[in-house]
Structure formats: C-alpha cells, structure tokens
Amino acid sequence: MINIDRALRSSIRTGKVVLGSNLALEAGTKGQAKLFISAIDCPEEVAVELKKADVPVYSYSGRGKDLGSACGKPFSVAALAVIEPGESEIMALLREIRGNEDE
C-alpha cells in the first residue's frame, strides 16, 4: 500500500496534476486524465460527473481541506485529476481501485 499523501505531492512536483472539480472534469472530458481523486465531501453532482468519465476514481479518505493539505495547498480540493504521474507511485492506486471493484 502506498503513502497517498507522499505520492500526491510527488506527482504534483514531478508530473502534471490539475486541482479542482472544474479542471478535473475538463481534463476528463478532453481525455487527458488518467486518474481522478475525490475527497469524501466532494459535492454529489461532481462525484456523479467524475464517475461518468471513462477514468478510474479513487476516493480519498479525508475531506477537501485534507486533500488540499496533502497536495501542499492552503485551500480545500474536492477533486483533482492526474494527467501525468511523473516520478510518483500514484498510479498504483489503480490496483487498489480495481481490487475494490472485484469485491
């Protein structure tokens, strides 16, 4: 199991990640997103739109302020999209997502 917070910071530093619901949805619509991460308090309508995209969605165990803090930001982040993982292990979350789907 990976350290999600460390992987997020690494992917932000070395890869390409867009923060915020609108930018994440836009990246998903354009086919750029490889992974969505949403906070537990992500608005319902945003969560529904994220699930409609053909992109895996990882549910972060904290609230938006926690996700923002994990990203090294002083603001709340309801959702984000990983476009390029960079040198991080963030894409290992796909195995965890697929494992949950099998249950």
C-alpha atoms as a PDB file:
ATOM      1  CA  MET A   1       0.000   0.000   0.000  1.00  0.00           C
ATOM      2  CA  ILE A   2       1.390   3.379  -0.968  1.00  0.00           C
ATOM      3  CA  ASN A   3       1.552   6.585   1.045  1.00  0.00           C
ATOM      4  CA  ILE A   4      -1.099   8.537  -0.857  1.00  0.00           C
ATOM      5  CA  ASP A   5      -0.131  11.954   0.501  1.00  0.00           C
ATOM      6  CA  ARG A   6       3.528  11.463  -0.460  1.00  0.00           C
ATOM      7  CA  ALA A   7       2.558  10.128  -3.899  1.00  0.00           C
ATOM      8  CA  LEU A   8       0.277  13.141  -4.464  1.00  0.00           C
ATOM      9  CA  ARG A   9       2.997  15.639  -3.573  1.00  0.00           C
ATOM     10  CA  SER A  10       5.468  13.798  -5.794  1.00  0.00           C
ATOM     11  CA  SER A  11       3.085  13.725  -8.757  1.00  0.00           C
ATOM     12  CA  ILE A  12       2.357  17.443  -8.332  1.00  0.00           C
ATOM     13  CA  ARG A  13       6.102  18.192  -8.181  1.00  0.00           C
ATOM     14  CA  THR A  14       7.288  15.897 -11.000  1.00  0.00           C
ATOM     15  CA  GLY A  15       4.201  15.239 -13.122  1.00  0.00           C
ATOM     16  CA  LYS A  16       1.054  17.098 -14.123  1.00  0.00           C
ATOM     17  CA  VAL A  17      -1.962  17.305 -11.831  1.00  0.00           C
ATOM     18  CA  VAL A  18      -4.919  19.693 -12.083  1.00  0.00           C
ATOM     19  CA  LEU A  19      -6.642  20.692  -8.861  1.00  0.00           C
ATOM     20  CA  GLY A  20     -10.319  21.465  -8.514  1.00  0.00           C
ATOM     21  CA  SER A  21     -13.549  19.925  -9.721  1.00  0.00           C
ATOM     22  CA  ASN A  22     -13.937  22.028 -12.855  1.00  0.00           C
ATOM     23  CA  LEU A  23     -10.390  21.471 -14.113  1.00  0.00           C
ATOM     24  CA  ALA A  24     -10.538  17.766 -13.254  1.00  0.00           C
ATOM     25  CA  LEU A  25     -13.800  17.346 -15.176  1.00  0.00           C
ATOM     26  CA  GLU A  26     -12.373  19.306 -18.097  1.00  0.00           C
ATOM     27  CA  ALA A  27      -9.288  17.057 -18.184  1.00  0.00           C
ATOM     28  CA  GLY A  28     -11.550  14.003 -18.115  1.00  0.00           C
ATOM     29  CA  THR A  29     -13.707  15.346 -20.939  1.00  0.00           C
ATOM     30  CA  LYS A  30     -10.629  16.023 -23.078  1.00  0.00           C
ATOM     31  CA  GLY A  31      -9.323  12.508 -22.435  1.00  0.00           C
ATOM     32  CA  GLN A  32      -6.230  13.794 -20.615  1.00  0.00           C
ATOM     33  CA  ALA A  33      -6.933  12.443 -17.120  1.00  0.00           C
ATOM     34  CA  LYS A  34      -5.532   9.056 -16.135  1.00  0.00           C
ATOM     35  CA  LEU A  35      -6.927   9.091 -12.592  1.00  0.00           C
ATOM     36  CA  PHE A  36      -9.394  11.162 -10.566  1.00  0.00           C
ATOM     37  CA  ILE A  37      -9.078  11.567  -6.816  1.00  0.00           C
ATOM     38  CA  SER A  38     -12.065  12.925  -4.909  1.00  0.00           C
ATOM     39  CA  ALA A  39     -12.473  13.902  -1.259  1.00  0.00           C
ATOM     40  CA  ILE A  40     -15.216  12.325   0.846  1.00  0.00           C
ATOM     41  CA  ASP A  41     -17.071  15.637   0.928  1.00  0.00           C
ATOM     42  CA  CYS A  42     -16.865  16.154  -2.840  1.00  0.00           C
ATOM     43  CA  PRO A  43     -20.240  17.552  -3.993  1.00  0.00           C
ATOM     44  CA  GLU A  44     -22.611  14.813  -5.180  1.00  0.00           C
ATOM     45  CA  GLU A  45     -23.075  16.345  -8.632  1.00  0.00           C
ATOM     46  CA  VAL A  46     -19.305  16.464  -9.166  1.00  0.00           C
ATOM     47  CA  ALA A  47     -18.879  12.857  -7.987  1.00  0.00           C
ATOM     48  CA  VAL A  48     -21.572  11.749 -10.450  1.00  0.00           C
ATOM     49  CA  GLU A  49     -19.839  13.566 -13.329  1.00  0.00           C
ATOM     50  CA  LEU A  50     -16.462  12.073 -12.373  1.00  0.00           C
ATOM     51  CA  LYS A  51     -17.942   8.570 -12.467  1.00  0.00           C
ATOM     52  CA  LYS A  52     -19.451   9.220 -15.922  1.00  0.00           C
ATOM     53  CA  ALA A  53     -15.999   9.800 -17.400  1.00  0.00           C
ATOM     54  CA  ASP A  54     -14.090   6.735 -18.538  1.00  0.00           C
ATOM     55  CA  VAL A  55     -11.423   7.379 -15.889  1.00  0.00           C
ATOM     56  CA  PRO A  56     -10.864   5.489 -12.607  1.00  0.00           C
ATOM     57  CA  VAL A  57     -11.922   7.418  -9.476  1.00  0.00           C
ATOM     58  CA  TYR A  58     -10.075   6.973  -6.178  1.00  0.00           C
ATOM     59  CA  SER A  59     -11.979   8.082  -3.067  1.00  0.00           C
ATOM     60  CA  TYR A  60      -9.562   9.903  -0.775  1.00  0.00           C
ATOM     61  CA  SER A  61     -10.280   9.093   2.872  1.00  0.00           C
ATOM     62  CA  GLY A  62     -10.226  12.721   4.020  1.00  0.00           C
ATOM     63  CA  ARG A  63     -12.241  15.873   3.472  1.00  0.00           C
ATOM     64  CA  GLY A  64     -11.429  18.513   0.853  1.00  0.00           C
ATOM     65  CA  LYS A  65      -9.266  20.503   3.265  1.00  0.00           C
ATOM     66  CA  ASP A  66      -7.257  17.342   3.977  1.00  0.00           C
ATOM     67  CA  LEU A  67      -6.840  16.623   0.260  1.00  0.00           C
ATOM     68  CA  GLY A  68      -5.724  20.216  -0.301  1.00  0.00           C
ATOM     69  CA  SER A  69      -3.225  19.920   2.532  1.00  0.00           C
ATOM     70  CA  ALA A  70      -1.944  16.612   1.116  1.00  0.00           C
ATOM     71  CA  CYS A  71      -1.331  18.452  -2.156  1.00  0.00           C
ATOM     72  CA  GLY A  72       0.644  21.114  -0.280  1.00  0.00           C
ATOM     73  CA  LYS A  73      -2.060  23.733  -0.844  1.00  0.00           C
ATOM     74  CA  PRO A  74      -3.623  26.070   1.748  1.00  0.00           C
ATOM     75  CA  PHE A  75      -7.130  25.525   0.354  1.00  0.00           C
ATOM     76  CA  SER A  76      -9.721  22.808   0.035  1.00  0.00           C
ATOM     77  CA  VAL A  77      -9.639  20.494  -3.015  1.00  0.00           C
ATOM     78  CA  ALA A  78     -12.812  18.492  -3.691  1.00  0.00           C
ATOM     79  CA  ALA A  79     -11.357  16.656  -6.697  1.00  0.00           C
ATOM     80  CA  LEU A  80      -8.232  16.502  -8.826  1.00  0.00           C
ATOM     81  CA  ALA A  81      -7.072  14.795 -11.985  1.00  0.00           C
ATOM     82  CA  VAL A  82      -3.699  13.151 -12.536  1.00  0.00           C
ATOM     83  CA  ILE A  83      -2.656  13.805 -16.120  1.00  0.00           C
ATOM     84  CA  GLU A  84       0.978  12.697 -15.850  1.00  0.00           C
ATOM     85  CA  PRO A  85       2.130  10.836 -12.716  1.00  0.00           C
ATOM     86  CA  GLY A  86       5.753  11.945 -13.022  1.00  0.00           C
ATOM     87  CA  GLU A  87       8.082  10.036 -10.709  1.00  0.00           C
ATOM     88  CA  SER A  88       5.348   9.231  -8.181  1.00  0.00           C
ATOM     89  CA  GLU A  89       3.690   5.920  -7.374  1.00  0.00           C
ATOM     90  CA  ILE A  90       0.214   7.460  -7.641  1.00  0.00           C
ATOM     91  CA  MET A  91      -0.883   5.137 -10.453  1.00  0.00           C
ATOM     92  CA  ALA A  92      -0.509   2.199  -8.038  1.00  0.00           C
ATOM     93  CA  LEU A  93      -3.897   3.345  -6.734  1.00  0.00           C
ATOM     94  CA  LEU A  94      -5.400   1.772  -9.861  1.00  0.00           C
ATOM     95  CA  ARG A  95      -4.688  -1.671  -8.412  1.00  0.00           C
ATOM     96  CA  GLU A  96      -6.498  -0.659  -5.227  1.00  0.00           C
ATOM     97  CA  ILE A  97      -9.481   0.687  -7.202  1.00  0.00           C
ATOM     98  CA  ARG A  98      -9.717  -2.478  -9.285  1.00  0.00           C
ATOM     99  CA  GLY A  99      -9.444  -4.608  -6.145  1.00  0.00           C
ATOM    100  CA  ASN A 100     -12.421  -2.796  -4.616  1.00  0.00           C
ATOM    101  CA  GLU A 101     -14.459  -3.331  -7.783  1.00  0.00           C
ATOM    102  CA  ASP A 102     -13.930  -7.099  -7.545  1.00  0.00           C
ATOM    103  CA  GLU A 103     -15.393  -7.286  -4.023  1.00  0.00           C
END
